[in-house]
Amino acid sequence: MADQPRRPRTLSDARTEAEAAFKRTTAKVAEAPARKTALPGVRELVSLRIDQDVLEYFREGGPGWQERINEALRKAAGK
């Protein structure tokens, strides 16, 4: 079987393809699910950059420095 020659592209073909591509890129993306409310007493591991002098201040008090940072952040957040 011989390959069939392709029909020449027309302006309407190009327009149809462009409209389809535009619709794909402008289609609404499903919204992310709402964040769950924070549960008291549940901790989440995060990476946080803190200035060295601030970190030293909290560490000077000995063990429990992470708790003290958490309390200070909670106070700053108005909670």
C-alpha atoms as a PDB file:
ATOM      1  CA  MET A   1       0.000   0.000   0.000  1.00  0.00           C
ATOM      2  CA  ALA A   2       1.298   3.374  -0.911  1.00  0.00           C
ATOM      3  CA  ASP A   3       1.177   6.158   1.618  1.00  0.00           C
ATOM      4  CA  GLN A   4      -1.664   8.530   1.027  1.00  0.00           C
ATOM      5  CA  PRO A   5      -0.540  12.114   0.458  1.00  0.00           C
ATOM      6  CA  ARG A   6      -1.504  14.438   3.273  1.00  0.00           C
ATOM      7  CA  ARG A   7      -4.039  17.052   2.423  1.00  0.00           C
ATOM      8  CA  PRO A   8      -2.694  20.589   2.645  1.00  0.00           C
ATOM      9  CA  ARG A   9      -3.421  22.477   5.843  1.00  0.00           C
ATOM     10  CA  THR A  10      -5.971  25.202   5.546  1.00  0.00           C
ATOM     11  CA  LEU A  11      -6.454  28.366   7.543  1.00  0.00           C
ATOM     12  CA  SER A  12      -9.461  26.859   9.314  1.00  0.00           C
ATOM     13  CA  ASP A  13      -7.356  23.830  10.387  1.00  0.00           C
ATOM     14  CA  ALA A  14      -4.740  26.096  11.934  1.00  0.00           C
ATOM     15  CA  ARG A  15      -7.409  28.197  13.623  1.00  0.00           C
ATOM     16  CA  THR A  16      -9.124  25.116  15.050  1.00  0.00           C
ATOM     17  CA  GLU A  17      -5.828  23.816  16.406  1.00  0.00           C
ATOM     18  CA  ALA A  18      -4.965  27.211  17.915  1.00  0.00           C
ATOM     19  CA  GLU A  19      -8.376  27.477  19.588  1.00  0.00           C
ATOM     20  CA  ALA A  20      -8.022  23.974  21.039  1.00  0.00           C
ATOM     21  CA  ALA A  21      -4.545  24.789  22.360  1.00  0.00           C
ATOM     22  CA  PHE A  22      -5.836  28.033  23.892  1.00  0.00           C
ATOM     23  CA  LYS A  23      -8.693  26.218  25.620  1.00  0.00           C
ATOM     24  CA  ARG A  24      -6.282  23.667  27.083  1.00  0.00           C
ATOM     25  CA  THR A  25      -4.009  26.356  28.524  1.00  0.00           C
ATOM     26  CA  THR A  26      -6.791  28.580  29.842  1.00  0.00           C
ATOM     27  CA  ALA A  27      -8.964  25.858  31.328  1.00  0.00           C
ATOM     28  CA  LYS A  28      -9.657  26.274  35.041  1.00  0.00           C
ATOM     29  CA  VAL A  29      -7.433  24.197  37.248  1.00  0.00           C
ATOM     30  CA  ALA A  30      -9.179  22.384  40.047  1.00  0.00           C
ATOM     31  CA  GLU A  31      -8.743  24.199  43.337  1.00  0.00           C
ATOM     32  CA  ALA A  32      -6.516  22.673  45.957  1.00  0.00           C
ATOM     33  CA  PRO A  33      -8.356  21.133  48.869  1.00  0.00           C
ATOM     34  CA  ALA A  34      -8.784  23.422  51.856  1.00  0.00           C
ATOM     35  CA  ARG A  35      -6.136  23.147  54.553  1.00  0.00           C
ATOM     36  CA  LYS A  36      -7.226  21.278  57.619  1.00  0.00           C
ATOM     37  CA  THR A  37      -7.526  23.185  60.852  1.00  0.00           C
ATOM     38  CA  ALA A  38      -4.484  22.821  63.074  1.00  0.00           C
ATOM     39  CA  LEU A  39      -5.003  20.287  65.811  1.00  0.00           C
ATOM     40  CA  PRO A  40      -3.708  21.250  69.241  1.00  0.00           C
ATOM     41  CA  GLY A  41      -0.618  19.347  70.287  1.00  0.00           C
ATOM     42  CA  VAL A  42       0.200  18.110  66.771  1.00  0.00           C
ATOM     43  CA  ARG A  43       3.608  19.219  65.516  1.00  0.00           C
ATOM     44  CA  GLU A  44       4.723  19.625  61.930  1.00  0.00           C
ATOM     45  CA  LEU A  45       8.338  19.353  60.844  1.00  0.00           C
ATOM     46  CA  VAL A  46       9.452  22.448  58.932  1.00  0.00           C
ATOM     47  CA  SER A  47      12.739  23.935  57.837  1.00  0.00           C
ATOM     48  CA  LEU A  48      13.202  27.467  59.155  1.00  0.00           C
ATOM     49  CA  ARG A  49      16.170  29.811  58.900  1.00  0.00           C
ATOM     50  CA  ILE A  50      16.710  31.781  62.104  1.00  0.00           C
ATOM     51  CA  ASP A  51      19.447  34.351  62.686  1.00  0.00           C
ATOM     52  CA  GLN A  52      22.322  32.949  64.724  1.00  0.00           C
ATOM     53  CA  ASP A  53      21.997  35.510  67.524  1.00  0.00           C
ATOM     54  CA  VAL A  54      18.305  34.726  67.979  1.00  0.00           C
ATOM     55  CA  LEU A  55      18.996  30.998  68.047  1.00  0.00           C
ATOM     56  CA  GLU A  56      21.771  31.476  70.614  1.00  0.00           C
ATOM     57  CA  TYR A  57      19.408  33.520  72.790  1.00  0.00           C
ATOM     58  CA  PHE A  58      16.896  30.671  72.970  1.00  0.00           C
ATOM     59  CA  ARG A  59      19.575  27.988  73.388  1.00  0.00           C
ATOM     60  CA  GLU A  60      21.145  29.838  76.337  1.00  0.00           C
ATOM     61  CA  GLY A  61      18.196  28.715  78.458  1.00  0.00           C
ATOM     62  CA  GLY A  62      19.195  25.079  77.990  1.00  0.00           C
ATOM     63  CA  PRO A  63      16.899  22.221  77.013  1.00  0.00           C
ATOM     64  CA  GLY A  64      13.459  23.256  75.841  1.00  0.00           C
ATOM     65  CA  TRP A  65      14.720  25.980  73.518  1.00  0.00           C
ATOM     66  CA  GLN A  66      12.449  24.784  70.716  1.00  0.00           C
ATOM     67  CA  GLU A  67       9.457  25.047  73.047  1.00  0.00           C
ATOM     68  CA  ARG A  68      10.462  28.608  73.932  1.00  0.00           C
ATOM     69  CA  ILE A  69      10.727  29.547  70.247  1.00  0.00           C
ATOM     70  CA  ASN A  70       7.295  28.023  69.662  1.00  0.00           C
ATOM     71  CA  GLU A  71       5.821  30.009  72.584  1.00  0.00           C
ATOM     72  CA  ALA A  72       7.379  33.245  71.281  1.00  0.00           C
ATOM     73  CA  LEU A  73       5.980  32.632  67.795  1.00  0.00           C
ATOM     74  CA  ARG A  74       2.554  31.811  69.215  1.00  0.00           C
ATOM     75  CA  LYS A  75       2.609  35.058  71.226  1.00  0.00           C
ATOM     76  CA  ALA A  76       3.685  37.040  68.134  1.00  0.00           C
ATOM     77  CA  ALA A  77       0.808  35.455  66.195  1.00  0.00           C
ATOM     78  CA  GLY A  78      -1.627  36.633  68.876  1.00  0.00           C
ATOM     79  CA  LYS A  79      -2.594  33.190  70.077  1.00  0.00           C
END
